[in-house]
Amino acid sequence: MRVARLGAVIALVVIVQVTVLPHLRIAGVAPELGLIVAIAVGYQLGPEAGALTGFVAGFAFGLFLEVPLGLNALAYALVGYGVGVFEGGLMRAPRGLPIVLAALGGIAGGLILIAVGVLVGVESVKGIHGIETISIAALYDALLAPLVFLLVILAIGRDTPARSPWSGP
């Protein structure tokens, strides 16, 4: 049941990402909601769930982009996994950690996109413009993180303990 709810969240996020957010750009940059979902799931359910969610969200969003298919899936999966590993080492999470994780995850995801994009020959990611875009997107991601984290928490269930298996209630 949890997988179906997270699938619905991913579908909703991708639809909002490709239909609404292009009209709500700040300095020409839109946030990456799929990346924030991967961060939230990695934070709540662990690295494997974060990586899988990131891959699915990145792949679905990548279908609408003009970059090599799978580039976003790789970046989102790596960031979701990294957040899950990081959160697993925390004794107690500070209250504002989701906002910080979204900002840092946005930067990490953007840098992965640039690095892999340069390796595969995507010309549009080169130069200082890419760094400016990553910075603005990371701030935008941090602004939307509380809403997306709430959406993920509602999808997985409030009574669900962190790090629970996917097949729970």
N, C-alpha and C. Protein backbone atom coordinates (compact mmCIF):
# COMPACT_ATOMS: atom_id res chain seq x y z
N MET A 1 0.82 -1.19 0.00
CA MET A 1 0.00 0.00 0.00
C MET A 1 0.86 1.26 0.00
N ARG A 2 1.96 1.21 0.79
CA ARG A 2 2.85 2.36 0.86
C ARG A 2 3.48 2.65 -0.49
N VAL A 3 3.81 1.60 -1.23
CA VAL A 3 4.42 1.78 -2.55
C VAL A 3 3.45 2.49 -3.48
N ALA A 4 2.17 2.12 -3.42
CA ALA A 4 1.17 2.77 -4.27
C ALA A 4 1.01 4.24 -3.91
N ARG A 5 1.02 4.55 -2.61
CA ARG A 5 0.89 5.95 -2.20
C ARG A 5 2.11 6.77 -2.62
N LEU A 6 3.31 6.19 -2.47
CA LEU A 6 4.51 6.91 -2.92
C LEU A 6 4.53 7.04 -4.44
N GLY A 7 4.02 6.04 -5.14
CA GLY A 7 3.90 6.15 -6.60
C GLY A 7 2.97 7.28 -7.00
N ALA A 8 1.90 7.42 -6.26
CA ALA A 8 0.97 8.53 -6.53
C ALA A 8 1.63 9.87 -6.24
N VAL A 9 2.42 9.95 -5.18
CA VAL A 9 3.15 11.19 -4.86
C VAL A 9 4.13 11.51 -5.98
N ILE A 10 4.85 10.51 -6.46
CA ILE A 10 5.80 10.74 -7.55
C ILE A 10 5.07 11.21 -8.80
N ALA A 11 3.96 10.58 -9.13
CA ALA A 11 3.19 10.99 -10.31
C ALA A 11 2.70 12.43 -10.15
N LEU A 12 2.19 12.77 -8.98
CA LEU A 12 1.72 14.13 -8.72
C LEU A 12 2.86 15.14 -8.84
N VAL A 13 4.00 14.80 -8.28
CA VAL A 13 5.15 15.70 -8.30
C VAL A 13 5.65 15.92 -9.73
N VAL A 14 5.69 14.86 -10.52
CA VAL A 14 6.15 15.00 -11.92
C VAL A 14 5.16 15.84 -12.71
N ILE A 15 3.88 15.64 -12.50
CA ILE A 15 2.87 16.43 -13.21
C ILE A 15 2.99 17.91 -12.83
N VAL A 16 3.14 18.19 -11.54
CA VAL A 16 3.30 19.59 -11.10
C VAL A 16 4.61 20.16 -11.65
N GLN A 17 5.66 19.35 -11.67
CA GLN A 17 6.97 19.80 -12.15
C GLN A 17 6.92 20.23 -13.62
N VAL A 18 6.21 19.47 -14.44
CA VAL A 18 6.23 19.78 -15.87
C VAL A 18 5.08 20.70 -16.31
N THR A 19 4.06 20.88 -15.48
CA THR A 19 2.94 21.72 -15.91
C THR A 19 2.88 23.06 -15.19
N VAL A 20 3.09 23.07 -13.88
CA VAL A 20 2.91 24.29 -13.09
C VAL A 20 4.23 25.05 -12.89
N LEU A 21 5.26 24.34 -12.49
CA LEU A 21 6.50 25.01 -12.10
C LEU A 21 7.23 25.75 -13.22
N PRO A 22 7.07 25.37 -14.49
CA PRO A 22 7.69 26.20 -15.52
C PRO A 22 7.15 27.64 -15.52
N HIS A 23 5.97 27.83 -14.98
CA HIS A 23 5.37 29.16 -14.91
C HIS A 23 5.71 29.89 -13.62
N LEU A 24 6.33 29.20 -12.67
CA LEU A 24 6.68 29.79 -11.38
C LEU A 24 8.19 29.83 -11.18
N ARG A 25 8.90 30.09 -12.22
CA ARG A 25 10.37 30.12 -12.14
C ARG A 25 10.84 31.37 -11.39
N ILE A 26 11.93 31.22 -10.68
CA ILE A 26 12.62 32.34 -10.05
C ILE A 26 13.96 32.48 -10.76
N ALA A 27 14.18 33.64 -11.37
CA ALA A 27 15.40 33.90 -12.15
C ALA A 27 15.59 32.84 -13.23
N GLY A 28 14.49 32.36 -13.79
CA GLY A 28 14.57 31.37 -14.85
C GLY A 28 14.80 29.94 -14.39
N VAL A 29 14.71 29.69 -13.10
CA VAL A 29 15.02 28.38 -12.54
C VAL A 29 13.81 27.83 -11.79
N ALA A 30 13.51 26.56 -12.02
CA ALA A 30 12.43 25.88 -11.32
C ALA A 30 13.04 24.89 -10.32
N PRO A 31 12.34 24.61 -9.23
CA PRO A 31 12.85 23.61 -8.28
C PRO A 31 12.72 22.21 -8.85
N GLU A 32 13.36 21.26 -8.22
CA GLU A 32 13.27 19.87 -8.63
C GLU A 32 12.52 19.10 -7.55
N LEU A 33 11.22 19.01 -7.71
CA LEU A 33 10.38 18.36 -6.71
C LEU A 33 10.70 16.89 -6.55
N GLY A 34 11.03 16.22 -7.64
CA GLY A 34 11.38 14.81 -7.55
C GLY A 34 12.60 14.57 -6.69
N LEU A 35 13.55 15.47 -6.77
CA LEU A 35 14.74 15.37 -5.92
C LEU A 35 14.37 15.55 -4.46
N ILE A 36 13.47 16.48 -4.18
CA ILE A 36 13.05 16.70 -2.79
C ILE A 36 12.30 15.48 -2.26
N VAL A 37 11.50 14.84 -3.11
CA VAL A 37 10.80 13.62 -2.70
C VAL A 37 11.81 12.52 -2.37
N ALA A 38 12.84 12.38 -3.21
CA ALA A 38 13.87 11.37 -2.95
C ALA A 38 14.58 11.66 -1.63
N ILE A 39 14.85 12.93 -1.36
CA ILE A 39 15.49 13.33 -0.11
C ILE A 39 14.58 13.00 1.07
N ALA A 40 13.29 13.33 0.94
CA ALA A 40 12.34 13.07 2.03
C ALA A 40 12.20 11.57 2.30
N VAL A 41 12.11 10.78 1.25
CA VAL A 41 11.97 9.33 1.44
C VAL A 41 13.26 8.75 2.01
N GLY A 42 14.41 9.20 1.53
CA GLY A 42 15.68 8.74 2.10
C GLY A 42 15.78 9.09 3.57
N TYR A 43 15.31 10.27 3.93
CA TYR A 43 15.33 10.73 5.31
C TYR A 43 14.39 9.90 6.18
N GLN A 44 13.20 9.60 5.67
CA GLN A 44 12.19 8.91 6.46
C GLN A 44 12.37 7.39 6.48
N LEU A 45 12.74 6.79 5.33
CA LEU A 45 12.72 5.34 5.21
C LEU A 45 14.08 4.69 4.98
N GLY A 46 15.12 5.48 4.79
CA GLY A 46 16.45 4.90 4.64
C GLY A 46 17.01 5.00 3.24
N PRO A 47 18.26 4.59 3.08
CA PRO A 47 18.97 4.79 1.81
C PRO A 47 18.40 4.01 0.62
N GLU A 48 18.01 2.77 0.83
CA GLU A 48 17.50 1.99 -0.29
C GLU A 48 16.20 2.56 -0.83
N ALA A 49 15.31 2.92 0.07
CA ALA A 49 14.04 3.52 -0.35
C ALA A 49 14.27 4.87 -1.01
N GLY A 50 15.21 5.67 -0.48
CA GLY A 50 15.53 6.95 -1.08
C GLY A 50 16.11 6.80 -2.48
N ALA A 51 16.98 5.82 -2.67
CA ALA A 51 17.58 5.59 -3.98
C ALA A 51 16.53 5.12 -4.99
N LEU A 52 15.68 4.20 -4.59
CA LEU A 52 14.66 3.69 -5.50
C LEU A 52 13.66 4.78 -5.86
N THR A 53 13.23 5.54 -4.87
CA THR A 53 12.30 6.64 -5.13
C THR A 53 12.95 7.69 -6.03
N GLY A 54 14.20 8.01 -5.75
CA GLY A 54 14.92 8.98 -6.57
C GLY A 54 15.07 8.52 -8.01
N PHE A 55 15.35 7.23 -8.18
CA PHE A 55 15.48 6.72 -9.54
C PHE A 55 14.17 6.83 -10.30
N VAL A 56 13.08 6.40 -9.67
CA VAL A 56 11.77 6.44 -10.34
C VAL A 56 11.35 7.88 -10.64
N ALA A 57 11.51 8.77 -9.66
CA ALA A 57 11.12 10.17 -9.87
C ALA A 57 12.00 10.83 -10.93
N GLY A 58 13.31 10.57 -10.88
CA GLY A 58 14.21 11.15 -11.86
C GLY A 58 13.98 10.62 -13.26
N PHE A 59 13.69 9.33 -13.37
CA PHE A 59 13.42 8.75 -14.68
C PHE A 59 12.13 9.32 -15.26
N ALA A 60 11.09 9.42 -14.42
CA ALA A 60 9.81 9.95 -14.89
C ALA A 60 9.95 11.41 -15.33
N PHE A 61 10.69 12.21 -14.57
CA PHE A 61 10.90 13.60 -14.94
C PHE A 61 11.80 13.70 -16.17
N GLY A 62 12.77 12.83 -16.27
CA GLY A 62 13.68 12.83 -17.41
C GLY A 62 13.01 12.57 -18.74
N LEU A 63 11.84 11.93 -18.71
CA LEU A 63 11.10 11.69 -19.94
C LEU A 63 10.67 12.99 -20.62
N PHE A 64 10.60 14.07 -19.85
CA PHE A 64 10.14 15.36 -20.36
C PHE A 64 11.29 16.32 -20.66
N LEU A 65 12.52 15.89 -20.48
CA LEU A 65 13.68 16.77 -20.65
C LEU A 65 14.44 16.44 -21.92
N GLU A 66 15.30 17.36 -22.31
CA GLU A 66 16.11 17.17 -23.50
C GLU A 66 17.53 16.75 -23.15
N VAL A 67 17.71 16.09 -22.03
CA VAL A 67 19.01 15.56 -21.64
C VAL A 67 18.97 14.04 -21.79
N PRO A 68 20.12 13.38 -21.76
CA PRO A 68 20.11 11.92 -21.88
C PRO A 68 19.21 11.27 -20.83
N LEU A 69 18.39 10.33 -21.27
CA LEU A 69 17.47 9.64 -20.37
C LEU A 69 18.25 8.89 -19.31
N GLY A 70 17.90 9.08 -18.09
CA GLY A 70 18.55 8.43 -16.97
C GLY A 70 19.50 9.34 -16.21
N LEU A 71 19.82 10.51 -16.76
CA LEU A 71 20.72 11.44 -16.08
C LEU A 71 20.10 11.93 -14.78
N ASN A 72 18.86 12.36 -14.82
CA ASN A 72 18.18 12.79 -13.59
C ASN A 72 17.96 11.61 -12.66
N ALA A 73 17.65 10.45 -13.20
CA ALA A 73 17.43 9.27 -12.37
C ALA A 73 18.68 8.93 -11.57
N LEU A 74 19.84 9.01 -12.21
CA LEU A 74 21.10 8.74 -11.51
C LEU A 74 21.34 9.76 -10.40
N ALA A 75 21.19 11.02 -10.73
CA ALA A 75 21.45 12.08 -9.73
C ALA A 75 20.48 11.97 -8.56
N TYR A 76 19.20 11.81 -8.82
CA TYR A 76 18.21 11.72 -7.76
C TYR A 76 18.45 10.49 -6.89
N ALA A 77 18.78 9.36 -7.51
CA ALA A 77 19.01 8.13 -6.76
C ALA A 77 20.23 8.27 -5.85
N LEU A 78 21.30 8.86 -6.35
CA LEU A 78 22.50 9.03 -5.53
C LEU A 78 22.24 9.96 -4.34
N VAL A 79 21.51 11.02 -4.58
CA VAL A 79 21.22 11.96 -3.50
C VAL A 79 20.27 11.32 -2.48
N GLY A 80 19.23 10.62 -2.94
CA GLY A 80 18.32 9.94 -2.03
C GLY A 80 19.04 8.92 -1.16
N TYR A 81 19.96 8.18 -1.77
CA TYR A 81 20.74 7.19 -1.02
C TYR A 81 21.65 7.89 -0.01
N GLY A 82 22.32 8.95 -0.46
CA GLY A 82 23.23 9.67 0.42
C GLY A 82 22.53 10.27 1.63
N VAL A 83 21.35 10.82 1.43
CA VAL A 83 20.58 11.39 2.55
C VAL A 83 20.17 10.28 3.51
N GLY A 84 19.77 9.13 2.99
CA GLY A 84 19.41 8.02 3.86
C GLY A 84 20.58 7.54 4.70
N VAL A 85 21.77 7.47 4.11
CA VAL A 85 22.96 7.07 4.85
C VAL A 85 23.31 8.12 5.90
N PHE A 86 23.25 9.38 5.51
CA PHE A 86 23.55 10.47 6.44
C PHE A 86 22.58 10.46 7.62
N GLU A 87 21.30 10.33 7.35
CA GLU A 87 20.31 10.37 8.42
C GLU A 87 20.45 9.16 9.33
N GLY A 88 20.89 8.04 8.79
CA GLY A 88 21.08 6.84 9.60
C GLY A 88 22.16 7.02 10.66
N GLY A 89 23.09 7.93 10.43
CA GLY A 89 24.16 8.17 11.39
C GLY A 89 23.83 9.23 12.43
N LEU A 90 22.67 9.83 12.34
CA LEU A 90 22.30 10.87 13.30
C LEU A 90 21.67 10.25 14.54
N MET A 91 22.05 10.78 15.68
CA MET A 91 21.42 10.33 16.92
C MET A 91 20.05 10.98 17.08
N ARG A 92 19.99 12.27 16.82
CA ARG A 92 18.74 13.02 16.92
C ARG A 92 18.76 14.10 15.85
N ALA A 93 17.72 14.16 15.06
CA ALA A 93 17.68 15.11 13.95
C ALA A 93 17.18 16.47 14.43
N PRO A 94 17.90 17.56 14.09
CA PRO A 94 17.40 18.90 14.43
C PRO A 94 16.10 19.21 13.69
N ARG A 95 15.35 20.14 14.19
CA ARG A 95 14.03 20.48 13.64
C ARG A 95 14.10 20.99 12.21
N GLY A 96 15.06 21.81 11.87
CA GLY A 96 15.15 22.40 10.54
C GLY A 96 15.97 21.57 9.56
N LEU A 97 16.28 20.34 9.91
CA LEU A 97 17.12 19.51 9.05
C LEU A 97 16.54 19.26 7.66
N PRO A 98 15.24 19.05 7.49
CA PRO A 98 14.73 18.85 6.13
C PRO A 98 15.03 20.01 5.19
N ILE A 99 14.98 21.23 5.68
CA ILE A 99 15.27 22.39 4.83
C ILE A 99 16.74 22.38 4.42
N VAL A 100 17.61 22.10 5.39
CA VAL A 100 19.05 22.04 5.10
C VAL A 100 19.34 20.90 4.14
N LEU A 101 18.72 19.74 4.37
CA LEU A 101 18.94 18.60 3.48
C LEU A 101 18.47 18.90 2.07
N ALA A 102 17.37 19.61 1.92
CA ALA A 102 16.87 19.95 0.59
C ALA A 102 17.84 20.88 -0.12
N ALA A 103 18.37 21.85 0.59
CA ALA A 103 19.33 22.77 -0.03
C ALA A 103 20.62 22.05 -0.41
N LEU A 104 21.17 21.28 0.52
CA LEU A 104 22.40 20.55 0.23
C LEU A 104 22.17 19.46 -0.82
N GLY A 105 21.02 18.82 -0.76
CA GLY A 105 20.69 17.81 -1.77
C GLY A 105 20.52 18.43 -3.14
N GLY A 106 19.94 19.63 -3.19
CA GLY A 106 19.82 20.33 -4.47
C GLY A 106 21.17 20.67 -5.07
N ILE A 107 22.09 21.09 -4.21
CA ILE A 107 23.44 21.39 -4.68
C ILE A 107 24.13 20.11 -5.15
N ALA A 108 24.04 19.05 -4.34
CA ALA A 108 24.69 17.79 -4.71
C ALA A 108 24.09 17.22 -5.99
N GLY A 109 22.77 17.24 -6.09
CA GLY A 109 22.12 16.73 -7.31
C GLY A 109 22.51 17.53 -8.54
N GLY A 110 22.57 18.85 -8.39
CA GLY A 110 22.98 19.70 -9.50
C GLY A 110 24.41 19.44 -9.93
N LEU A 111 25.29 19.28 -8.95
CA LEU A 111 26.69 18.99 -9.28
C LEU A 111 26.85 17.64 -9.96
N ILE A 112 26.07 16.66 -9.53
CA ILE A 112 26.11 15.35 -10.19
C ILE A 112 25.61 15.49 -11.63
N LEU A 113 24.52 16.23 -11.81
CA LEU A 113 24.01 16.45 -13.17
C LEU A 113 25.05 17.12 -14.07
N ILE A 114 25.74 18.11 -13.54
CA ILE A 114 26.77 18.79 -14.33
C ILE A 114 27.92 17.85 -14.63
N ALA A 115 28.41 17.13 -13.62
CA ALA A 115 29.56 16.25 -13.81
C ALA A 115 29.26 15.15 -14.83
N VAL A 116 28.14 14.48 -14.66
CA VAL A 116 27.79 13.41 -15.60
C VAL A 116 27.43 14.00 -16.96
N GLY A 117 26.76 15.14 -16.97
CA GLY A 117 26.41 15.80 -18.23
C GLY A 117 27.64 16.15 -19.04
N VAL A 118 28.67 16.65 -18.37
CA VAL A 118 29.92 16.96 -19.08
C VAL A 118 30.55 15.69 -19.63
N LEU A 119 30.50 14.61 -18.85
CA LEU A 119 31.08 13.34 -19.30
C LEU A 119 30.38 12.77 -20.52
N VAL A 120 29.07 12.94 -20.61
CA VAL A 120 28.33 12.38 -21.75
C VAL A 120 28.16 13.38 -22.88
N GLY A 121 28.67 14.60 -22.72
CA GLY A 121 28.68 15.55 -23.82
C GLY A 121 27.51 16.49 -23.91
N VAL A 122 26.83 16.76 -22.81
CA VAL A 122 25.74 17.73 -22.82
C VAL A 122 26.37 19.12 -22.70
N GLU A 123 26.28 19.90 -23.73
CA GLU A 123 26.95 21.21 -23.77
C GLU A 123 26.27 22.25 -22.88
N SER A 124 24.99 22.13 -22.64
CA SER A 124 24.25 23.17 -21.93
C SER A 124 24.58 23.23 -20.44
N VAL A 125 25.30 22.26 -19.89
CA VAL A 125 25.58 22.26 -18.46
C VAL A 125 26.93 22.90 -18.14
N LYS A 126 27.70 23.23 -19.14
CA LYS A 126 29.04 23.77 -18.90
C LYS A 126 28.97 25.25 -18.56
N GLY A 127 29.98 25.74 -17.83
CA GLY A 127 30.12 27.16 -17.57
C GLY A 127 29.55 27.59 -16.23
N ILE A 128 29.71 28.87 -15.98
CA ILE A 128 29.29 29.47 -14.71
C ILE A 128 27.77 29.50 -14.59
N HIS A 129 27.08 29.50 -15.70
CA HIS A 129 25.61 29.52 -15.67
C HIS A 129 25.07 28.30 -14.92
N GLY A 130 25.70 27.15 -15.07
CA GLY A 130 25.26 25.95 -14.38
C GLY A 130 25.36 26.08 -12.87
N ILE A 131 26.42 26.71 -12.38
CA ILE A 131 26.59 26.90 -10.94
C ILE A 131 25.55 27.88 -10.40
N GLU A 132 25.27 28.93 -11.14
CA GLU A 132 24.23 29.88 -10.73
C GLU A 132 22.87 29.20 -10.67
N THR A 133 22.60 28.39 -11.68
CA THR A 133 21.32 27.67 -11.73
C THR A 133 21.18 26.72 -10.55
N ILE A 134 22.25 26.00 -10.23
CA ILE A 134 22.21 25.06 -9.10
C ILE A 134 21.95 25.81 -7.80
N SER A 135 22.60 26.93 -7.61
CA SER A 135 22.43 27.69 -6.37
C SER A 135 20.99 28.18 -6.20
N ILE A 136 20.42 28.73 -7.26
CA ILE A 136 19.04 29.22 -7.18
C ILE A 136 18.07 28.06 -6.97
N ALA A 137 18.29 26.96 -7.70
CA ALA A 137 17.42 25.79 -7.55
C ALA A 137 17.50 25.21 -6.14
N ALA A 138 18.69 25.20 -5.55
CA ALA A 138 18.84 24.67 -4.19
C ALA A 138 18.07 25.52 -3.18
N LEU A 139 18.10 26.83 -3.35
CA LEU A 139 17.33 27.69 -2.46
C LEU A 139 15.83 27.48 -2.65
N TYR A 140 15.42 27.33 -3.89
CA TYR A 140 14.01 27.07 -4.21
C TYR A 140 13.58 25.72 -3.62
N ASP A 141 14.46 24.71 -3.74
CA ASP A 141 14.17 23.39 -3.15
C ASP A 141 14.00 23.51 -1.64
N ALA A 142 14.86 24.29 -1.00
CA ALA A 142 14.77 24.46 0.45
C ALA A 142 13.46 25.12 0.86
N LEU A 143 12.98 26.06 0.05
CA LEU A 143 11.70 26.72 0.35
C LEU A 143 10.53 25.75 0.27
N LEU A 144 10.58 24.83 -0.68
CA LEU A 144 9.47 23.89 -0.87
C LEU A 144 9.61 22.61 -0.04
N ALA A 145 10.75 22.42 0.61
CA ALA A 145 11.00 21.18 1.35
C ALA A 145 9.96 20.89 2.43
N PRO A 146 9.56 21.84 3.26
CA PRO A 146 8.57 21.49 4.30
C PRO A 146 7.27 20.94 3.71
N LEU A 147 6.80 21.51 2.61
CA LEU A 147 5.57 21.03 1.99
C LEU A 147 5.75 19.62 1.42
N VAL A 148 6.87 19.37 0.75
CA VAL A 148 7.10 18.06 0.15
C VAL A 148 7.34 17.01 1.23
N PHE A 149 8.08 17.36 2.29
CA PHE A 149 8.28 16.42 3.39
C PHE A 149 6.94 16.05 4.03
N LEU A 150 6.06 17.03 4.20
CA LEU A 150 4.74 16.76 4.75
C LEU A 150 3.95 15.82 3.85
N LEU A 151 4.02 16.04 2.56
CA LEU A 151 3.34 15.18 1.59
C LEU A 151 3.86 13.75 1.68
N VAL A 152 5.17 13.59 1.80
CA VAL A 152 5.76 12.25 1.92
C VAL A 152 5.35 11.60 3.23
N ILE A 153 5.36 12.35 4.31
CA ILE A 153 4.96 11.80 5.61
C ILE A 153 3.50 11.34 5.56
N LEU A 154 2.65 12.12 4.91
CA LEU A 154 1.24 11.71 4.77
C LEU A 154 1.12 10.45 3.91
N ALA A 155 1.98 10.32 2.91
CA ALA A 155 1.92 9.16 2.02
C ALA A 155 2.39 7.88 2.71
N ILE A 156 3.42 7.99 3.55
CA ILE A 156 3.93 6.77 4.20
C ILE A 156 3.20 6.48 5.50
N GLY A 157 2.47 7.46 6.02
CA GLY A 157 1.70 7.26 7.24
C GLY A 157 2.43 7.80 8.45
N ARG A 158 1.74 8.55 9.26
CA ARG A 158 2.34 9.16 10.45
C ARG A 158 2.74 8.13 11.48
N ASP A 159 1.99 7.06 11.59
CA ASP A 159 2.29 6.05 12.60
C ASP A 159 3.40 5.10 12.16
N THR A 160 3.90 5.28 10.95
CA THR A 160 4.95 4.41 10.44
C THR A 160 6.28 4.83 11.05
N PRO A 161 6.97 3.91 11.73
CA PRO A 161 8.27 4.28 12.27
C PRO A 161 9.28 4.45 11.14
N ALA A 162 10.26 5.31 11.36
CA ALA A 162 11.31 5.51 10.36
C ALA A 162 12.03 4.18 10.14
N ARG A 163 12.53 3.99 8.94
CA ARG A 163 13.29 2.80 8.57
C ARG A 163 12.45 1.54 8.55
N SER A 164 11.14 1.67 8.37
CA SER A 164 10.30 0.49 8.30
C SER A 164 10.34 -0.08 6.88
N PRO A 165 10.01 -1.34 6.72
CA PRO A 165 10.03 -1.92 5.39
C PRO A 165 8.98 -1.33 4.48
N TRP A 166 9.20 -1.45 3.17
CA TRP A 166 8.29 -0.90 2.17
C TRP A 166 6.91 -1.54 2.23
N SER A 167 6.84 -2.76 2.60
CA SER A 167 5.58 -3.48 2.48
C SER A 167 4.66 -3.31 3.68
N GLY A 168 4.93 -2.34 4.53
CA GLY A 168 4.10 -2.12 5.71
C GLY A 168 2.70 -1.63 5.36
N PRO A 169 1.91 -1.33 6.37
CA PRO A 169 0.51 -0.94 6.16
C PRO A 169 0.36 0.35 5.41
